[in-house]
Amino acid sequence: MPMSLLIRNGRVITASDDYVADVYCENGTIIAIGRDLPSHRFQAEREIDASGQYVMPGGIDVHTHLDMPFGGTMSSDDFETGRSVEPPASSTSPSSTAARRCATRWTGGWRRHRARR
């Protein structure tokens, strides 16, 4: 199902710029970024007021630890809570990886990981 989204008044951060603008998307693709995009041309099915919020068009979350032991503790988010904060049209792709302890086989780590669920 086609969908259009207009994010208004967000602080847009790109590789070269930092300014307040609107971002218009259709079917998960960024179509336009600009200040005060004209509403007669960019009519969206969903509109978000991002005033005071960061907007990073095309940003990629390349590395996130979910439900993983680290330094004697566990990461604060599991797969459910960590996925709930993704922005619309996010590019985060989770993969389940068993954390290995030293001198253990990966299958043992995988069984412990699955048992926690």
C-alpha atoms as a PDB file:
ATOM      1  CA  MET A   1       0.000   0.000   0.000  1.00  0.00           C
ATOM      2  CA  PRO A   2       1.539   3.351  -1.008  1.00  0.00           C
ATOM      3  CA  MET A   3       2.160   5.829   1.787  1.00  0.00           C
ATOM      4  CA  SER A   4       3.381   9.385   1.966  1.00  0.00           C
ATOM      5  CA  LEU A   5       4.944  11.048   5.000  1.00  0.00           C
ATOM      6  CA  LEU A   6       5.789  14.678   5.691  1.00  0.00           C
ATOM      7  CA  ILE A   7       8.100  15.482   8.590  1.00  0.00           C
ATOM      8  CA  ARG A   8       7.838  19.208   9.325  1.00  0.00           C
ATOM      9  CA  ASN A   9      10.141  21.613  11.173  1.00  0.00           C
ATOM     10  CA  GLY A  10      12.797  19.081  12.189  1.00  0.00           C
ATOM     11  CA  ARG A  11      16.459  19.862  12.683  1.00  0.00           C
ATOM     12  CA  VAL A  12      17.783  18.141   9.571  1.00  0.00           C
ATOM     13  CA  ILE A  13      21.304  16.758   9.865  1.00  0.00           C
ATOM     14  CA  THR A  14      23.053  15.576   6.689  1.00  0.00           C
ATOM     15  CA  ALA A  15      26.690  14.898   5.843  1.00  0.00           C
ATOM     16  CA  SER A  16      27.113  18.560   4.865  1.00  0.00           C
ATOM     17  CA  ASP A  17      24.291  20.583   6.483  1.00  0.00           C
ATOM     18  CA  ASP A  18      22.487  21.283   9.759  1.00  0.00           C
ATOM     19  CA  TYR A  19      19.262  23.309   9.429  1.00  0.00           C
ATOM     20  CA  VAL A  20      15.522  23.334  10.232  1.00  0.00           C
ATOM     21  CA  ALA A  21      13.506  21.933   7.335  1.00  0.00           C
ATOM     22  CA  ASP A  22      10.775  19.570   6.145  1.00  0.00           C
ATOM     23  CA  VAL A  23      11.318  16.076   4.739  1.00  0.00           C
ATOM     24  CA  TYR A  24       8.780  14.541   2.337  1.00  0.00           C
ATOM     25  CA  CYS A  25       8.760  10.779   1.642  1.00  0.00           C
ATOM     26  CA  GLU A  26       6.722   8.546  -0.641  1.00  0.00           C
ATOM     27  CA  ASN A  27       6.741   4.758  -0.343  1.00  0.00           C
ATOM     28  CA  GLY A  28       9.795   4.826   1.917  1.00  0.00           C
ATOM     29  CA  THR A  29      11.845   7.067  -0.401  1.00  0.00           C
ATOM     30  CA  ILE A  30      12.894  10.636   0.398  1.00  0.00           C
ATOM     31  CA  ILE A  31      11.472  12.842  -2.354  1.00  0.00           C
ATOM     32  CA  ALA A  32      12.229  16.354  -1.058  1.00  0.00           C
ATOM     33  CA  ILE A  33      14.042  18.164   1.722  1.00  0.00           C
ATOM     34  CA  GLY A  34      13.597  21.902   2.140  1.00  0.00           C
ATOM     35  CA  ARG A  35      12.468  24.781   4.278  1.00  0.00           C
ATOM     36  CA  ASP A  36       8.693  25.252   4.350  1.00  0.00           C
ATOM     37  CA  LEU A  37       7.825  22.752   1.608  1.00  0.00           C
ATOM     38  CA  PRO A  38       4.621  24.002  -0.083  1.00  0.00           C
ATOM     39  CA  SER A  39       1.568  22.120   1.198  1.00  0.00           C
ATOM     40  CA  HIS A  40      -0.211  22.289  -2.177  1.00  0.00           C
ATOM     41  CA  ARG A  41       2.603  20.225  -3.728  1.00  0.00           C
ATOM     42  CA  PHE A  42       3.584  17.959  -0.841  1.00  0.00           C
ATOM     43  CA  GLN A  43       0.340  16.544   0.588  1.00  0.00           C
ATOM     44  CA  ALA A  44       0.961  13.543   2.810  1.00  0.00           C
ATOM     45  CA  GLU A  45      -1.214  10.844   4.304  1.00  0.00           C
ATOM     46  CA  ARG A  46       0.718  11.227   7.551  1.00  0.00           C
ATOM     47  CA  GLU A  47       2.368  14.332   8.956  1.00  0.00           C
ATOM     48  CA  ILE A  48       4.755  14.560  11.907  1.00  0.00           C
ATOM     49  CA  ASP A  49       5.713  17.799  13.664  1.00  0.00           C
ATOM     50  CA  ALA A  50       9.384  17.310  14.490  1.00  0.00           C
ATOM     51  CA  SER A  51       9.936  20.743  16.047  1.00  0.00           C
ATOM     52  CA  GLY A  52      12.914  20.535  18.393  1.00  0.00           C
ATOM     53  CA  GLN A  53      13.780  17.019  17.153  1.00  0.00           C
ATOM     54  CA  TYR A  54      16.673  15.727  15.059  1.00  0.00           C
ATOM     55  CA  VAL A  55      15.869  14.332  11.609  1.00  0.00           C
ATOM     56  CA  MET A  56      18.616  12.393   9.852  1.00  0.00           C
ATOM     57  CA  PRO A  57      17.423  11.584   6.330  1.00  0.00           C
ATOM     58  CA  GLY A  58      18.965   8.388   5.058  1.00  0.00           C
ATOM     59  CA  GLY A  59      20.675   7.722   8.386  1.00  0.00           C
ATOM     60  CA  ILE A  60      21.691   4.140   9.018  1.00  0.00           C
ATOM     61  CA  ASP A  61      21.916   2.522  12.430  1.00  0.00           C
ATOM     62  CA  VAL A  62      24.917   0.341  11.694  1.00  0.00           C
ATOM     63  CA  HIS A  63      25.613  -1.210  15.078  1.00  0.00           C
ATOM     64  CA  THR A  64      23.333  -1.776  18.063  1.00  0.00           C
ATOM     65  CA  HIS A  65      23.585  -4.265  20.920  1.00  0.00           C
ATOM     66  CA  LEU A  66      20.276  -5.764  22.031  1.00  0.00           C
ATOM     67  CA  ASP A  67      19.835  -8.319  24.803  1.00  0.00           C
ATOM     68  CA  MET A  68      23.586  -8.872  25.075  1.00  0.00           C
ATOM     69  CA  PRO A  69      25.941  -9.396  27.999  1.00  0.00           C
ATOM     70  CA  PHE A  70      28.683  -6.802  28.311  1.00  0.00           C
ATOM     71  CA  GLY A  71      31.190  -6.180  31.114  1.00  0.00           C
ATOM     72  CA  GLY A  72      29.320  -8.249  33.684  1.00  0.00           C
ATOM     73  CA  THR A  73      25.930  -6.692  32.910  1.00  0.00           C
ATOM     74  CA  MET A  74      23.280  -6.840  30.156  1.00  0.00           C
ATOM     75  CA  SER A  75      22.453  -4.216  27.543  1.00  0.00           C
ATOM     76  CA  SER A  76      19.454  -2.154  28.613  1.00  0.00           C
ATOM     77  CA  ASP A  77      17.264  -3.016  25.606  1.00  0.00           C
ATOM     78  CA  ASP A  78      16.099  -6.405  24.430  1.00  0.00           C
ATOM     79  CA  PHE A  79      14.822  -7.149  20.923  1.00  0.00           C
ATOM     80  CA  GLU A  80      11.304  -5.937  21.723  1.00  0.00           C
ATOM     81  CA  THR A  81      12.131  -2.605  23.413  1.00  0.00           C
ATOM     82  CA  GLY A  82      15.069  -1.869  21.114  1.00  0.00           C
ATOM     83  CA  ARG A  83      12.916  -2.214  17.994  1.00  0.00           C
ATOM     84  CA  SER A  84      10.104  -0.077  19.416  1.00  0.00           C
ATOM     85  CA  VAL A  85      12.139   3.151  19.192  1.00  0.00           C
ATOM     86  CA  GLU A  86      12.944   2.892  15.489  1.00  0.00           C
ATOM     87  CA  PRO A  87      11.826   5.776  13.346  1.00  0.00           C
ATOM     88  CA  PRO A  88       9.348   5.184  10.531  1.00  0.00           C
ATOM     89  CA  ALA A  89      11.086   3.854   7.420  1.00  0.00           C
ATOM     90  CA  SER A  90      14.096   2.906   9.521  1.00  0.00           C
ATOM     91  CA  SER A  91      16.983   1.022   8.022  1.00  0.00           C
ATOM     92  CA  THR A  92      17.802  -0.957  11.164  1.00  0.00           C
ATOM     93  CA  SER A  93      17.897  -4.692  10.459  1.00  0.00           C
ATOM     94  CA  PRO A  94      18.178  -6.867  13.548  1.00  0.00           C
ATOM     95  CA  SER A  95      20.037 -10.134  13.501  1.00  0.00           C
ATOM     96  CA  SER A  96      20.208 -12.541  16.380  1.00  0.00           C
ATOM     97  CA  THR A  97      23.784 -13.430  17.278  1.00  0.00           C
ATOM     98  CA  ALA A  98      24.858 -15.633  20.137  1.00  0.00           C
ATOM     99  CA  ALA A  99      27.486 -13.984  22.312  1.00  0.00           C
ATOM    100  CA  ARG A 100      30.340 -16.375  23.024  1.00  0.00           C
ATOM    101  CA  ARG A 101      32.128 -16.686  26.295  1.00  0.00           C
ATOM    102  CA  CYS A 102      35.810 -17.503  26.126  1.00  0.00           C
ATOM    103  CA  ALA A 103      36.530 -21.198  25.593  1.00  0.00           C
ATOM    104  CA  THR A 104      32.921 -22.078  24.699  1.00  0.00           C
ATOM    105  CA  ARG A 105      31.531 -23.342  21.450  1.00  0.00           C
ATOM    106  CA  TRP A 106      29.124 -21.061  19.591  1.00  0.00           C
ATOM    107  CA  THR A 107      26.340 -23.645  19.947  1.00  0.00           C
ATOM    108  CA  GLY A 108      26.446 -23.320  23.733  1.00  0.00           C
ATOM    109  CA  GLY A 109      26.158 -19.538  23.497  1.00  0.00           C
ATOM    110  CA  TRP A 110      23.244 -19.884  21.084  1.00  0.00           C
ATOM    111  CA  ARG A 111      21.386 -22.271  23.418  1.00  0.00           C
ATOM    112  CA  ARG A 112      21.847 -19.890  26.383  1.00  0.00           C
ATOM    113  CA  HIS A 113      20.677 -16.984  24.229  1.00  0.00           C
ATOM    114  CA  ARG A 114      17.519 -18.810  23.086  1.00  0.00           C
ATOM    115  CA  ALA A 115      16.761 -20.063  26.623  1.00  0.00           C
ATOM    116  CA  ARG A 116      16.470 -16.459  27.909  1.00  0.00           C
ATOM    117  CA  ARG A 117      13.463 -15.829  25.686  1.00  0.00           C
END
